[in-house]
């Protein structure tokens, strides 16, 4: 499927921030995370499962997440992810970094030299 010209990839770390922020609210399985991010962003962000699951595995390996076996709403076995204490600290650092970057970009976009 061809990408729409307005579609942009996420900046590095954006997916991690969204995963950590979402799981901070409540533990979820992967598909629920995809739906949650899509819904909360008012369909502006589409996380592909092909990007999500490798990110979840990396975050588990890095100690930012933990998981346990669970059952989906359809009665299927699934993995439920939740944020660790290290994940919460990482989220705080990443949000602060993003806010600084966003402030800088906003200033550049607002600069209008006559």
PDB file of N, CA and C in Angstrom:
ATOM      1  N   UNK A   1       0.832  -1.172   0.000  1.00  0.00           N
ATOM      2  CA  UNK A   1       0.000   0.000   0.000  1.00  0.00           C
ATOM      3  C   UNK A   1       0.883   1.245   0.000  1.00  0.00           C
ATOM      4  N   UNK A   2       0.635   2.168  -0.888  1.00  0.00           N
ATOM      5  CA  UNK A   2       1.433   3.382  -1.009  1.00  0.00           C
ATOM      6  C   UNK A   2       1.139   4.331   0.145  1.00  0.00           C
ATOM      7  N   UNK A   3       2.188   5.004   0.578  1.00  0.00           N
ATOM      8  CA  UNK A   3       2.019   5.989   1.647  1.00  0.00           C
ATOM      9  C   UNK A   3       1.420   7.265   1.083  1.00  0.00           C
ATOM     10  N   UNK A   4       0.584   7.882   1.857  1.00  0.00           N
ATOM     11  CA  UNK A   4       0.023   9.186   1.494  1.00  0.00           C
ATOM     12  C   UNK A   4       1.136  10.218   1.652  1.00  0.00           C
ATOM     13  N   UNK A   5       1.227  11.206   0.770  1.00  0.00           N
ATOM     14  CA  UNK A   5       2.309  12.195   0.848  1.00  0.00           C
ATOM     15  C   UNK A   5       2.349  12.963   2.169  1.00  0.00           C
ATOM     16  N   UNK A   6       1.221  13.083   2.858  1.00  0.00           N
ATOM     17  CA  UNK A   6       1.197  13.804   4.131  1.00  0.00           C
ATOM     18  C   UNK A   6       1.658  12.935   5.301  1.00  0.00           C
ATOM     19  N   UNK A   7       1.767  11.618   5.085  1.00  0.00           N
ATOM     20  CA  UNK A   7       2.196  10.725   6.160  1.00  0.00           C
ATOM     21  C   UNK A   7       3.670  10.959   6.461  1.00  0.00           C
ATOM     22  N   UNK A   8       3.986  11.072   7.720  1.00  0.00           N
ATOM     23  CA  UNK A   8       5.360  11.248   8.161  1.00  0.00           C
ATOM     24  C   UNK A   8       5.677  10.153   9.160  1.00  0.00           C
ATOM     25  N   UNK A   9       6.913   9.710   9.138  1.00  0.00           N
ATOM     26  CA  UNK A   9       7.350   8.762  10.142  1.00  0.00           C
ATOM     27  C   UNK A   9       7.484   9.461  11.485  1.00  0.00           C
ATOM     28  N   UNK A  10       7.503   8.687  12.535  1.00  0.00           N
ATOM     29  CA  UNK A  10       7.674   9.250  13.869  1.00  0.00           C
ATOM     30  C   UNK A  10       9.140   9.578  14.095  1.00  0.00           C
ATOM     31  N   UNK A  11       9.421  10.601  14.893  1.00  0.00           N
ATOM     32  CA  UNK A  11      10.797  10.907  15.240  1.00  0.00           C
ATOM     33  C   UNK A  11      11.316   9.826  16.187  1.00  0.00           C
ATOM     34  N   UNK A  12      12.628   9.631  16.220  1.00  0.00           N
ATOM     35  CA  UNK A  12      13.179   8.606  17.112  1.00  0.00           C
ATOM     36  C   UNK A  12      12.726   8.826  18.561  1.00  0.00           C
ATOM     37  N   UNK A  13      12.260   7.798  19.188  1.00  0.00           N
ATOM     38  CA  UNK A  13      11.812   7.877  20.574  1.00  0.00           C
ATOM     39  C   UNK A  13      10.325   8.144  20.739  1.00  0.00           C
ATOM     40  N   UNK A  14       9.649   8.581  19.665  1.00  0.00           N
ATOM     41  CA  UNK A  14       8.224   8.912  19.780  1.00  0.00           C
ATOM     42  C   UNK A  14       7.393   7.685  20.122  1.00  0.00           C
ATOM     43  N   UNK A  15       7.684   6.569  19.480  1.00  0.00           N
ATOM     44  CA  UNK A  15       6.918   5.363  19.743  1.00  0.00           C
ATOM     45  C   UNK A  15       7.108   4.916  21.187  1.00  0.00           C
ATOM     46  N   UNK A  16       8.344   4.977  21.673  1.00  0.00           N
ATOM     47  CA  UNK A  16       8.603   4.623  23.075  1.00  0.00           C
ATOM     48  C   UNK A  16       7.795   5.501  24.025  1.00  0.00           C
ATOM     49  N   UNK A  17       7.790   6.803  23.770  1.00  0.00           N
ATOM     50  CA  UNK A  17       7.049   7.733  24.628  1.00  0.00           C
ATOM     51  C   UNK A  17       5.569   7.369  24.638  1.00  0.00           C
ATOM     52  N   UNK A  18       5.011   7.111  23.464  1.00  0.00           N
ATOM     53  CA  UNK A  18       3.574   6.792  23.390  1.00  0.00           C
ATOM     54  C   UNK A  18       3.258   5.470  24.070  1.00  0.00           C
ATOM     55  N   UNK A  19       4.140   4.487  23.917  1.00  0.00           N
ATOM     56  CA  UNK A  19       3.927   3.192  24.574  1.00  0.00           C
ATOM     57  C   UNK A  19       3.984   3.369  26.085  1.00  0.00           C
ATOM     58  N   UNK A  20       5.029   4.016  26.571  1.00  0.00           N
ATOM     59  CA  UNK A  20       5.182   4.185  28.017  1.00  0.00           C
ATOM     60  C   UNK A  20       4.047   5.004  28.617  1.00  0.00           C
ATOM     61  N   UNK A  21       3.688   6.080  27.937  1.00  0.00           N
ATOM     62  CA  UNK A  21       2.603   6.940  28.439  1.00  0.00           C
ATOM     63  C   UNK A  21       1.279   6.162  28.477  1.00  0.00           C
ATOM     64  N   UNK A  22       1.016   5.397  27.440  1.00  0.00           N
ATOM     65  CA  UNK A  22      -0.228   4.616  27.376  1.00  0.00           C
ATOM     66  C   UNK A  22      -0.258   3.541  28.449  1.00  0.00           C
ATOM     67  N   UNK A  23       0.850   2.823  28.616  1.00  0.00           N
ATOM     68  CA  UNK A  23       0.886   1.740  29.604  1.00  0.00           C
ATOM     69  C   UNK A  23       0.958   2.253  31.030  1.00  0.00           C
ATOM     70  N   UNK A  24       1.323   3.498  31.169  1.00  0.00           N
ATOM     71  CA  UNK A  24       1.321   4.109  32.503  1.00  0.00           C
ATOM     72  C   UNK A  24      -0.110   4.180  33.034  1.00  0.00           C
ATOM     73  N   UNK A  25      -1.064   4.344  32.133  1.00  0.00           N
ATOM     74  CA  UNK A  25      -2.474   4.400  32.522  1.00  0.00           C
ATOM     75  C   UNK A  25      -2.995   3.048  32.957  1.00  0.00           C
ATOM     76  N   UNK A  26      -2.694   2.030  32.136  1.00  0.00           N
ATOM     77  CA  UNK A  26      -3.173   0.681  32.431  1.00  0.00           C
ATOM     78  C   UNK A  26      -2.388  -0.326  31.594  1.00  0.00           C
ATOM     79  N   UNK A  27      -2.116  -1.503  32.131  1.00  0.00           N
ATOM     80  CA  UNK A  27      -1.454  -2.534  31.327  1.00  0.00           C
ATOM     81  C   UNK A  27      -2.334  -2.916  30.130  1.00  0.00           C
ATOM     82  N   UNK A  28      -1.702  -3.223  28.997  1.00  0.00           N
ATOM     83  CA  UNK A  28      -2.429  -3.572  27.775  1.00  0.00           C
ATOM     84  C   UNK A  28      -1.638  -4.590  26.963  1.00  0.00           C
ATOM     85  N   UNK A  29      -2.349  -5.253  26.074  1.00  0.00           N
ATOM     86  CA  UNK A  29      -1.663  -6.090  25.083  1.00  0.00           C
ATOM     87  C   UNK A  29      -1.400  -5.232  23.846  1.00  0.00           C
ATOM     88  N   UNK A  30      -0.605  -5.748  22.929  1.00  0.00           N
ATOM     89  CA  UNK A  30      -0.150  -4.975  21.780  1.00  0.00           C
ATOM     90  C   UNK A  30      -1.258  -4.377  20.933  1.00  0.00           C
ATOM     91  N   UNK A  31      -2.238  -5.187  20.581  1.00  0.00           N
ATOM     92  CA  UNK A  31      -3.313  -4.679  19.724  1.00  0.00           C
ATOM     93  C   UNK A  31      -4.096  -3.567  20.423  1.00  0.00           C
ATOM     94  N   UNK A  32      -4.297  -3.694  21.725  1.00  0.00           N
ATOM     95  CA  UNK A  32      -4.979  -2.635  22.486  1.00  0.00           C
ATOM     96  C   UNK A  32      -4.157  -1.349  22.465  1.00  0.00           C
ATOM     97  N   UNK A  33      -2.839  -1.471  22.505  1.00  0.00           N
ATOM     98  CA  UNK A  33      -1.972  -0.293  22.411  1.00  0.00           C
ATOM     99  C   UNK A  33      -2.151   0.410  21.073  1.00  0.00           C
ATOM    100  N   UNK A  34      -2.174  -0.364  19.991  1.00  0.00           N
ATOM    101  CA  UNK A  34      -2.367   0.207  18.652  1.00  0.00           C
ATOM    102  C   UNK A  34      -3.684   0.975  18.601  1.00  0.00           C
ATOM    103  N   UNK A  35      -4.756   0.358  19.094  1.00  0.00           N
ATOM    104  CA  UNK A  35      -6.073   1.002  19.081  1.00  0.00           C
ATOM    105  C   UNK A  35      -6.093   2.235  19.975  1.00  0.00           C
ATOM    106  N   UNK A  36      -5.473   2.146  21.145  1.00  0.00           N
ATOM    107  CA  UNK A  36      -5.456   3.259  22.087  1.00  0.00           C
ATOM    108  C   UNK A  36      -4.760   4.479  21.474  1.00  0.00           C
ATOM    109  N   UNK A  37      -3.580   4.288  20.899  1.00  0.00           N
ATOM    110  CA  UNK A  37      -2.828   5.400  20.315  1.00  0.00           C
ATOM    111  C   UNK A  37      -3.611   6.016  19.158  1.00  0.00           C
ATOM    112  N   UNK A  38      -4.211   5.179  18.345  1.00  0.00           N
ATOM    113  CA  UNK A  38      -5.006   5.680  17.217  1.00  0.00           C
ATOM    114  C   UNK A  38      -6.191   6.511  17.727  1.00  0.00           C
ATOM    115  N   UNK A  39      -6.888   5.990  18.726  1.00  0.00           N
ATOM    116  CA  UNK A  39      -8.068   6.674  19.263  1.00  0.00           C
ATOM    117  C   UNK A  39      -7.697   7.979  19.960  1.00  0.00           C
ATOM    118  N   UNK A  40      -6.699   7.948  20.823  1.00  0.00           N
ATOM    119  CA  UNK A  40      -6.313   9.133  21.582  1.00  0.00           C
ATOM    120  C   UNK A  40      -5.784  10.234  20.654  1.00  0.00           C
ATOM    121  N   UNK A  41      -5.121   9.834  19.565  1.00  0.00           N
ATOM    122  CA  UNK A  41      -4.585  10.823  18.616  1.00  0.00           C
ATOM    123  C   UNK A  41      -5.642  11.278  17.608  1.00  0.00           C
ATOM    124  N   UNK A  42      -6.877  10.848  17.791  1.00  0.00           N
ATOM    125  CA  UNK A  42      -7.964  11.191  16.880  1.00  0.00           C
ATOM    126  C   UNK A  42      -7.624  10.759  15.448  1.00  0.00           C
ATOM    127  N   UNK A  43      -7.073   9.560  15.351  1.00  0.00           N
ATOM    128  CA  UNK A  43      -6.696   8.926  14.075  1.00  0.00           C
ATOM    129  C   UNK A  43      -5.559   9.636  13.341  1.00  0.00           C
ATOM    130  N   UNK A  44      -4.837  10.524  14.004  1.00  0.00           N
ATOM    131  CA  UNK A  44      -3.704  11.195  13.370  1.00  0.00           C
ATOM    132  C   UNK A  44      -2.458  10.316  13.367  1.00  0.00           C
ATOM    133  N   UNK A  45      -2.372   9.405  14.330  1.00  0.00           N
ATOM    134  CA  UNK A  45      -1.218   8.520  14.419  1.00  0.00           C
ATOM    135  C   UNK A  45      -1.654   7.081  14.224  1.00  0.00           C
ATOM    136  N   UNK A  46      -0.957   6.403  13.330  1.00  0.00           N
ATOM    137  CA  UNK A  46      -1.222   4.993  13.049  1.00  0.00           C
ATOM    138  C   UNK A  46       0.057   4.224  13.367  1.00  0.00           C
ATOM    139  N   UNK A  47       0.042   3.433  14.394  1.00  0.00           N
ATOM    140  CA  UNK A  47       1.202   2.624  14.739  1.00  0.00           C
ATOM    141  C   UNK A  47       1.024   1.265  14.079  1.00  0.00           C
ATOM    142  N   UNK A  48       1.978   0.912  13.250  1.00  0.00           N
ATOM    143  CA  UNK A  48       1.939  -0.383  12.571  1.00  0.00           C
ATOM    144  C   UNK A  48       2.416  -1.453  13.541  1.00  0.00           C
ATOM    145  N   UNK A  49       1.739  -2.592  13.510  1.00  0.00           N
ATOM    146  CA  UNK A  49       2.132  -3.687  14.390  1.00  0.00           C
ATOM    147  C   UNK A  49       3.557  -4.137  14.099  1.00  0.00           C
ATOM    148  N   UNK A  50       4.004  -3.972  12.853  1.00  0.00           N
ATOM    149  CA  UNK A  50       5.372  -4.315  12.482  1.00  0.00           C
ATOM    150  C   UNK A  50       6.409  -3.431  13.145  1.00  0.00           C
ATOM    151  N   UNK A  51       6.016  -2.253  13.606  1.00  0.00           N
ATOM    152  CA  UNK A  51       6.903  -1.362  14.361  1.00  0.00           C
ATOM    153  C   UNK A  51       6.717  -1.567  15.857  1.00  0.00           C
ATOM    154  N   UNK A  52       5.469  -1.829  16.248  1.00  0.00           N
ATOM    155  CA  UNK A  52       5.146  -1.925  17.670  1.00  0.00           C
ATOM    156  C   UNK A  52       5.824  -3.109  18.346  1.00  0.00           C
ATOM    157  N   UNK A  53       5.678  -4.296  17.781  1.00  0.00           N
ATOM    158  CA  UNK A  53       6.166  -5.491  18.483  1.00  0.00           C
ATOM    159  C   UNK A  53       7.685  -5.523  18.640  1.00  0.00           C
ATOM    160  N   UNK A  54       8.465  -5.108  17.629  1.00  0.00           N
ATOM    161  CA  UNK A  54       9.912  -5.016  17.876  1.00  0.00           C
ATOM    162  C   UNK A  54      10.250  -3.988  18.970  1.00  0.00           C
ATOM    163  N   UNK A  55       9.519  -2.878  19.006  1.00  0.00           N
ATOM    164  CA  UNK A  55       9.741  -1.869  20.049  1.00  0.00           C
ATOM    165  C   UNK A  55       9.414  -2.450  21.429  1.00  0.00           C
ATOM    166  N   UNK A  56       8.308  -3.171  21.525  1.00  0.00           N
ATOM    167  CA  UNK A  56       7.947  -3.790  22.807  1.00  0.00           C
ATOM    168  C   UNK A  56       9.022  -4.770  23.261  1.00  0.00           C
ATOM    169  N   UNK A  57       9.543  -5.583  22.339  1.00  0.00           N
ATOM    170  CA  UNK A  57      10.590  -6.550  22.689  1.00  0.00           C
ATOM    171  C   UNK A  57      11.859  -5.836  23.156  1.00  0.00           C
ATOM    172  N   UNK A  58      12.243  -4.766  22.467  1.00  0.00           N
ATOM    173  CA  UNK A  58      13.414  -3.997  22.849  1.00  0.00           C
ATOM    174  C   UNK A  58      13.225  -3.381  24.226  1.00  0.00           C
ATOM    175  N   UNK A  59      12.022  -2.848  24.479  1.00  0.00           N
ATOM    176  CA  UNK A  59      11.740  -2.209  25.761  1.00  0.00           C
ATOM    177  C   UNK A  59      11.704  -3.219  26.899  1.00  0.00           C
ATOM    178  N   UNK A  60      11.235  -4.432  26.610  1.00  0.00           N
ATOM    179  CA  UNK A  60      11.297  -5.499  27.609  1.00  0.00           C
ATOM    180  C   UNK A  60      12.754  -5.821  27.939  1.00  0.00           C
ATOM    181  N   UNK A  61      13.560  -5.967  26.896  1.00  0.00           N
ATOM    182  CA  UNK A  61      14.981  -6.299  27.051  1.00  0.00           C
ATOM    183  C   UNK A  61      15.713  -5.206  27.833  1.00  0.00           C
ATOM    184  N   UNK A  62      15.318  -3.939  27.616  1.00  0.00           N
ATOM    185  CA  UNK A  62      15.969  -2.809  28.289  1.00  0.00           C
ATOM    186  C   UNK A  62      15.435  -2.563  29.697  1.00  0.00           C
ATOM    187  N   UNK A  63      14.444  -3.334  30.120  1.00  0.00           N
ATOM    188  CA  UNK A  63      13.907  -3.190  31.468  1.00  0.00           C
ATOM    189  C   UNK A  63      12.903  -2.067  31.638  1.00  0.00           C
ATOM    190  N   UNK A  64      12.411  -1.504  30.521  1.00  0.00           N
ATOM    191  CA  UNK A  64      11.432  -0.423  30.600  1.00  0.00           C
ATOM    192  C   UNK A  64      10.018  -0.956  30.781  1.00  0.00           C
ATOM    193  N   UNK A  65       9.810  -2.198  30.343  1.00  0.00           N
ATOM    194  CA  UNK A  65       8.507  -2.859  30.439  1.00  0.00           C
ATOM    195  C   UNK A  65       8.674  -4.215  31.085  1.00  0.00           C
ATOM    196  N   UNK A  66       7.562  -4.730  31.562  1.00  0.00           N
ATOM    197  CA  UNK A  66       7.476  -6.128  31.972  1.00  0.00           C
ATOM    198  C   UNK A  66       6.220  -6.686  31.339  1.00  0.00           C
ATOM    199  N   UNK A  67       6.136  -8.003  31.276  1.00  0.00           N
ATOM    200  CA  UNK A  67       4.947  -8.591  30.673  1.00  0.00           C
ATOM    201  C   UNK A  67       4.544  -9.837  31.439  1.00  0.00           C
ATOM    202  N   UNK A  68       3.292 -10.189  31.263  1.00  0.00           N
ATOM    203  CA  UNK A  68       2.772 -11.429  31.841  1.00  0.00           C
ATOM    204  C   UNK A  68       1.761 -12.011  30.874  1.00  0.00           C
ATOM    205  N   UNK A  69       1.546 -13.278  30.998  1.00  0.00           N
ATOM    206  CA  UNK A  69       0.569 -13.943  30.143  1.00  0.00           C
ATOM    207  C   UNK A  69      -0.830 -13.532  30.580  1.00  0.00           C
ATOM    208  N   UNK A  70      -1.690 -13.326  29.606  1.00  0.00           N
ATOM    209  CA  UNK A  70      -3.067 -12.950  29.893  1.00  0.00           C
ATOM    210  C   UNK A  70      -3.984 -13.521  28.833  1.00  0.00           C
ATOM    211  N   UNK A  71      -5.237 -13.151  28.914  1.00  0.00           N
ATOM    212  CA  UNK A  71      -6.256 -13.601  27.963  1.00  0.00           C
ATOM    213  C   UNK A  71      -6.880 -12.361  27.333  1.00  0.00           C
ATOM    214  N   UNK A  72      -6.962 -12.359  26.003  1.00  0.00           N
ATOM    215  CA  UNK A  72      -7.564 -11.228  25.292  1.00  0.00           C
ATOM    216  C   UNK A  72      -9.075 -11.235  25.490  1.00  0.00           C
ATOM    217  N   UNK A  73      -9.715 -10.156  25.032  1.00  0.00           N
ATOM    218  CA  UNK A  73     -11.173 -10.057  25.115  1.00  0.00           C
ATOM    219  C   UNK A  73     -11.846 -11.171  24.328  1.00  0.00           C
ATOM    220  N   UNK A  74     -11.142 -11.708  23.338  1.00  0.00           N
ATOM    221  CA  UNK A  74     -11.693 -12.796  22.523  1.00  0.00           C
ATOM    222  C   UNK A  74     -11.327 -14.166  23.079  1.00  0.00           C
ATOM    223  N   UNK A  75     -10.743 -14.189  24.279  1.00  0.00           N
ATOM    224  CA  UNK A  75     -10.431 -15.445  24.931  1.00  0.00           C
ATOM    225  C   UNK A  75      -9.144 -16.104  24.462  1.00  0.00           C
ATOM    226  N   UNK A  76      -8.312 -15.368  23.751  1.00  0.00           N
ATOM    227  CA  UNK A  76      -7.046 -15.922  23.255  1.00  0.00           C
ATOM    228  C   UNK A  76      -5.903 -15.570  24.202  1.00  0.00           C
ATOM    229  N   UNK A  77      -4.908 -16.444  24.278  1.00  0.00           N
ATOM    230  CA  UNK A  77      -3.736 -16.110  25.097  1.00  0.00           C
ATOM    231  C   UNK A  77      -3.019 -14.900  24.498  1.00  0.00           C
ATOM    232  N   UNK A  78      -2.547 -14.022  25.349  1.00  0.00           N
ATOM    233  CA  UNK A  78      -1.854 -12.823  24.886  1.00  0.00           C
ATOM    234  C   UNK A  78      -0.844 -12.398  25.931  1.00  0.00           C
ATOM    235  N   UNK A  79       0.004 -11.469  25.574  1.00  0.00           N
ATOM    236  CA  UNK A  79       0.991 -10.924  26.485  1.00  0.00           C
ATOM    237  C   UNK A  79       0.522  -9.530  26.895  1.00  0.00           C
ATOM    238  N   UNK A  80       0.438  -9.300  28.187  1.00  0.00           N
ATOM    239  CA  UNK A  80       0.010  -8.017  28.734  1.00  0.00           C
ATOM    240  C   UNK A  80       1.262  -7.276  29.210  1.00  0.00           C
ATOM    241  N   UNK A  81       1.416  -6.042  28.721  1.00  0.00           N
ATOM    242  CA  UNK A  81       2.598  -5.236  29.033  1.00  0.00           C
ATOM    243  C   UNK A  81       2.268  -4.180  30.074  1.00  0.00           C
ATOM    244  N   UNK A  82       3.241  -3.898  30.938  1.00  0.00           N
ATOM    245  CA  UNK A  82       3.111  -2.816  31.915  1.00  0.00           C
ATOM    246  C   UNK A  82       4.476  -2.140  32.068  1.00  0.00           C
ATOM    247  N   UNK A  83       4.467  -0.938  32.622  1.00  0.00           N
ATOM    248  CA  UNK A  83       5.681  -0.131  32.757  1.00  0.00           C
ATOM    249  C   UNK A  83       6.380  -0.464  34.073  1.00  0.00           C
ATOM    250  N   UNK A  84       7.700  -0.553  34.001  1.00  0.00           N
ATOM    251  CA  UNK A  84       8.506  -0.746  35.207  1.00  0.00           C
ATOM    252  C   UNK A  84       8.861   0.617  35.801  1.00  0.00           C
ATOM    253  N   UNK A  85       9.450   0.601  36.966  1.00  0.00           N
ATOM    254  CA  UNK A  85       9.916   1.845  37.593  1.00  0.00           C
ATOM    255  C   UNK A  85      10.951   2.525  36.689  1.00  0.00           C
ATOM    256  N   UNK A  86      11.852   1.730  36.117  1.00  0.00           N
ATOM    257  CA  UNK A  86      12.849   2.284  35.179  1.00  0.00           C
ATOM    258  C   UNK A  86      12.156   2.892  33.963  1.00  0.00           C
ATOM    259  N   UNK A  87      11.080   2.262  33.503  1.00  0.00           N
ATOM    260  CA  UNK A  87      10.320   2.790  32.375  1.00  0.00           C
ATOM    261  C   UNK A  87       9.704   4.143  32.689  1.00  0.00           C
ATOM    262  N   UNK A  88       9.223   4.316  33.912  1.00  0.00           N
ATOM    263  CA  UNK A  88       8.652   5.607  34.319  1.00  0.00           C
ATOM    264  C   UNK A  88       9.717   6.701  34.329  1.00  0.00           C
ATOM    265  N   UNK A  89      10.917   6.380  34.818  1.00  0.00           N
ATOM    266  CA  UNK A  89      12.016   7.349  34.821  1.00  0.00           C
ATOM    267  C   UNK A  89      12.433   7.690  33.395  1.00  0.00           C
ATOM    268  N   UNK A  90      12.489   6.673  32.549  1.00  0.00           N
ATOM    269  CA  UNK A  90      12.843   6.874  31.146  1.00  0.00           C
ATOM    270  C   UNK A  90      11.804   7.772  30.465  1.00  0.00           C
ATOM    271  N   UNK A  91      10.534   7.530  30.739  1.00  0.00           N
ATOM    272  CA  UNK A  91       9.461   8.345  30.170  1.00  0.00           C
ATOM    273  C   UNK A  91       9.634   9.810  30.560  1.00  0.00           C
ATOM    274  N   UNK A  92       9.912  10.051  31.816  1.00  0.00           N
ATOM    275  CA  UNK A  92      10.086  11.433  32.293  1.00  0.00           C
ATOM    276  C   UNK A  92      11.232  12.120  31.553  1.00  0.00           C
ATOM    277  N   UNK A  93      12.359  11.426  31.417  1.00  0.00           N
ATOM    278  CA  UNK A  93      13.514  12.010  30.709  1.00  0.00           C
ATOM    279  C   UNK A  93      13.192  12.270  29.239  1.00  0.00           C
ATOM    280  N   UNK A  94      12.518  11.322  28.594  1.00  0.00           N
ATOM    281  CA  UNK A  94      12.199  11.461  27.174  1.00  0.00           C
ATOM    282  C   UNK A  94      11.195  12.590  26.921  1.00  0.00           C
ATOM    283  N   UNK A  95      10.216  12.739  27.801  1.00  0.00           N
ATOM    284  CA  UNK A  95       9.235  13.824  27.650  1.00  0.00           C
ATOM    285  C   UNK A  95       9.933  15.172  27.813  1.00  0.00           C
ATOM    286  N   UNK A  96      10.825  15.294  28.781  1.00  0.00           N
ATOM    287  CA  UNK A  96      11.564  16.551  28.956  1.00  0.00           C
ATOM    288  C   UNK A  96      12.394  16.866  27.716  1.00  0.00           C
ATOM    289  N   UNK A  97      13.043  15.865  27.157  1.00  0.00           N
ATOM    290  CA  UNK A  97      13.848  16.047  25.947  1.00  0.00           C
ATOM    291  C   UNK A  97      12.965  16.459  24.771  1.00  0.00           C
ATOM    292  N   UNK A  98      11.811  15.797  24.631  1.00  0.00           N
ATOM    293  CA  UNK A  98      10.883  16.136  23.552  1.00  0.00           C
ATOM    294  C   UNK A  98      10.385  17.570  23.694  1.00  0.00           C
ATOM    295  N   UNK A  99      10.037  17.978  24.911  1.00  0.00           N
ATOM    296  CA  UNK A  99       9.523  19.331  25.130  1.00  0.00           C
ATOM    297  C   UNK A  99      10.567  20.383  24.751  1.00  0.00           C
ATOM    298  N   UNK A 100      11.838  20.134  25.051  1.00  0.00           N
ATOM    299  CA  UNK A 100      12.898  21.063  24.653  1.00  0.00           C
ATOM    300  C   UNK A 100      13.008  21.126  23.134  1.00  0.00           C
ATOM    301  N   UNK A 101      12.992  19.958  22.488  1.00  0.00           N
ATOM    302  CA  UNK A 101      13.087  19.912  21.034  1.00  0.00           C
ATOM    303  C   UNK A 101      11.899  20.627  20.403  1.00  0.00           C
ATOM    304  N   UNK A 102      10.704  20.372  20.916  1.00  0.00           N
ATOM    305  CA  UNK A 102       9.493  20.991  20.383  1.00  0.00           C
ATOM    306  C   UNK A 102       9.541  22.512  20.540  1.00  0.00           C
ATOM    307  N   UNK A 103      10.029  22.978  21.691  1.00  0.00           N
ATOM    308  CA  UNK A 103      10.150  24.426  21.923  1.00  0.00           C
ATOM    309  C   UNK A 103      11.108  25.045  20.908  1.00  0.00           C
ATOM    310  N   UNK A 104      12.214  24.376  20.621  1.00  0.00           N
ATOM    311  CA  UNK A 104      13.158  24.888  19.642  1.00  0.00           C
ATOM    312  C   UNK A 104      12.570  24.930  18.247  1.00  0.00           C
ATOM    313  N   UNK A 105      11.882  23.881  17.848  1.00  0.00           N
ATOM    314  CA  UNK A 105      11.247  23.851  16.527  1.00  0.00           C
ATOM    315  C   UNK A 105      10.194  24.944  16.424  1.00  0.00           C
ATOM    316  N   UNK A 106       9.415  25.127  17.482  1.00  0.00           N
ATOM    317  CA  UNK A 106       8.376  26.156  17.491  1.00  0.00           C
ATOM    318  C   UNK A 106       8.989  27.542  17.301  1.00  0.00           C
ATOM    319  N   UNK A 107      10.122  27.779  17.960  1.00  0.00           N
ATOM    320  CA  UNK A 107      10.791  29.076  17.820  1.00  0.00           C
ATOM    321  C   UNK A 107      11.282  29.299  16.389  1.00  0.00           C
ATOM    322  N   UNK A 108      11.839  28.255  15.793  1.00  0.00           N
ATOM    323  CA  UNK A 108      12.331  28.383  14.416  1.00  0.00           C
ATOM    324  C   UNK A 108      11.171  28.652  13.475  1.00  0.00           C
ATOM    325  N   UNK A 109      10.060  27.949  13.644  1.00  0.00           N
ATOM    326  CA  UNK A 109       8.905  28.147  12.774  1.00  0.00           C
ATOM    327  C   UNK A 109       8.279  29.531  12.961  1.00  0.00           C
ATOM    328  N   UNK A 110       8.364  30.058  14.181  1.00  0.00           N
ATOM    329  CA  UNK A 110       7.754  31.366  14.465  1.00  0.00           C
ATOM    330  C   UNK A 110       8.658  32.532  14.065  1.00  0.00           C
ATOM    331  N   UNK A 111       9.944  32.268  13.837  1.00  0.00           N
ATOM    332  CA  UNK A 111      10.882  33.330  13.521  1.00  0.00           C
ATOM    333  C   UNK A 111      10.550  33.930  12.169  1.00  0.00           C
ATOM    334  N   UNK A 112      10.387  35.222  12.165  1.00  0.00           N
ATOM    335  CA  UNK A 112      10.020  35.916  10.943  1.00  0.00           C
ATOM    336  C   UNK A 112      10.860  37.187  10.853  1.00  0.00           C
ATOM    337  N   UNK A 113      12.021  37.082  10.238  1.00  0.00           N
ATOM    338  CA  UNK A 113      12.913  38.238  10.117  1.00  0.00           C
ATOM    339  C   UNK A 113      12.503  39.061   8.902  1.00  0.00           C
ATOM    340  N   UNK A 114      12.328  40.333   9.126  1.00  0.00           N
ATOM    341  CA  UNK A 114      11.874  41.226   8.059  1.00  0.00           C
ATOM    342  C   UNK A 114      12.960  41.523   7.057  1.00  0.00           C
TER     343      UNK A 114
END
